[in-house]
Structure formats: structure tokens, C-alpha cells
Amino acid sequence: MKRFSVDVTVLPKDGVLDIQGKAVERTLKRGGYSAVDDVRVGRFIRFVVEAEDEASAGTLVDSVSDDLLSNGLIESYSYTLEPLP
């Protein structure tokens, strides 16, 4: 079995109201960062998986992300896999 480091990012889907993102954006603009726009606030999750290969690890990460880490109705996720020594 191989070990992979996994970084999952979960964000509100486009078109879903992101109240936290809007609050952060307003604060940034009030703080003089007028060039900042379209702020989205989400979650970052890091963990390690064991799998036969990268494709199997990806399938496992998809399953975990779909079932537990994100709400498919209002959130989307992306991830990166990195082999561990």
C-alpha cells in the first residue's frame, strides 16, 4: 500500500450566497483593499490515505468528500494528492 497526503478544499458553489465571504470582502474593502473582490470562505482539510495507487486514493478521497466533508447541494470540493515517501 502507498500513502498519500491529501489536501481538500471545500467552498460554496457558485451562485450560493456566501455570507462569510461577503463579510470578509466588506472588511477588506473598508481596510483599504479595494482591489479585492468575490471573496469566498470555505474549509481546508488535510489527511493521509493508504491506497494501492493514485487512482484508488482519488476514488477514496471522492467518497470521503462526497459523504462527509461537503454538502453537495451547496458546496463543491477540490483536492490534491501527493505521494508520501
Protein backbone atom coordinates (compact mmCIF):
# COMPACT_ATOMS: atom_id res chain seq x y z
CA MET A 1 0.00 0.00 0.00
CA LYS A 2 1.10 3.53 -0.75
CA ARG A 3 0.45 6.57 1.40
CA PHE A 4 -0.78 9.88 0.02
CA SER A 5 -1.09 13.29 1.60
CA VAL A 6 -4.47 14.79 0.70
CA ASP A 7 -5.49 18.46 0.77
CA VAL A 8 -9.23 19.04 0.31
CA THR A 9 -10.72 22.50 -0.20
CA VAL A 10 -14.48 22.91 0.24
CA LEU A 11 -16.16 26.12 -0.98
CA PRO A 12 -19.73 27.29 -1.51
CA LYS A 13 -20.89 26.56 -5.05
CA ASP A 14 -21.07 29.48 -7.48
CA GLY A 15 -24.44 31.14 -7.10
CA VAL A 16 -24.82 30.14 -3.43
CA LEU A 17 -24.89 33.11 -1.06
CA ASP A 18 -21.64 33.18 0.91
CA ILE A 19 -22.41 35.38 3.92
CA GLN A 20 -18.97 34.89 5.46
CA GLY A 21 -17.27 35.70 2.17
CA LYS A 22 -19.28 38.92 1.82
CA ALA A 23 -18.43 39.95 5.40
CA VAL A 24 -14.72 39.38 4.80
CA GLU A 25 -14.89 41.24 1.50
CA ARG A 26 -16.58 44.27 3.13
CA THR A 27 -13.97 44.31 5.90
CA LEU A 28 -11.12 44.15 3.39
CA LYS A 29 -12.58 46.97 1.32
CA ARG A 30 -13.06 49.12 4.44
CA GLY A 31 -9.44 48.37 5.31
CA GLY A 32 -8.24 49.87 2.04
CA TYR A 33 -8.04 46.72 -0.09
CA SER A 34 -10.42 47.93 -2.79
CA ALA A 35 -8.88 45.65 -5.42
CA VAL A 36 -10.17 42.56 -3.58
CA ASP A 37 -13.41 41.11 -4.97
CA ASP A 38 -15.50 37.92 -4.99
CA VAL A 39 -14.27 36.58 -1.64
CA ARG A 40 -15.32 33.01 -0.86
CA VAL A 41 -14.86 31.42 2.57
CA GLY A 42 -14.66 27.67 2.93
CA ARG A 43 -12.79 24.88 4.67
CA PHE A 44 -9.39 23.25 4.22
CA ILE A 45 -8.89 19.65 5.36
CA ARG A 46 -5.59 17.72 5.28
CA PHE A 47 -5.23 13.99 5.91
CA VAL A 48 -3.32 10.89 4.81
CA VAL A 49 -4.82 7.91 2.96
CA GLU A 50 -3.45 4.48 2.15
CA ALA A 51 -4.29 3.02 -1.23
CA GLU A 52 -2.90 0.72 -3.91
CA ASP A 53 -2.27 3.59 -6.32
CA GLU A 54 -3.13 7.24 -7.02
CA ALA A 55 -6.36 6.38 -8.85
CA SER A 56 -7.60 4.31 -5.88
CA ALA A 57 -6.62 7.11 -3.50
CA GLY A 58 -8.59 9.58 -5.62
CA THR A 59 -11.66 7.35 -5.54
CA LEU A 60 -11.42 7.12 -1.76
CA VAL A 61 -11.00 10.90 -1.40
CA ASP A 62 -14.03 11.48 -3.66
CA SER A 63 -16.09 9.15 -1.49
CA VAL A 64 -15.00 10.79 1.78
CA SER A 65 -15.51 14.28 0.36
CA ASP A 66 -18.96 13.48 -1.07
CA ASP A 67 -20.18 11.62 2.02
CA LEU A 68 -18.67 13.58 4.90
CA LEU A 69 -16.66 16.67 4.06
CA SER A 70 -19.04 18.60 1.80
CA ASN A 71 -22.73 19.21 1.26
CA GLY A 72 -23.23 18.52 -2.43
CA LEU A 73 -26.29 20.75 -2.61
CA ILE A 74 -24.44 23.95 -1.74
CA GLU A 75 -20.72 23.14 -1.75
CA SER A 76 -18.09 21.92 -4.15
CA TYR A 77 -14.69 20.49 -3.37
CA SER A 78 -11.32 20.03 -4.97
CA TYR A 79 -8.30 18.12 -3.79
CA THR A 80 -4.65 17.38 -4.41
CA LEU A 81 -2.85 14.13 -3.75
CA GLU A 82 0.85 13.89 -3.05
CA PRO A 83 2.69 10.59 -2.63
CA LEU A 84 4.49 10.22 0.70
CA PRO A 85 7.88 8.54 0.96
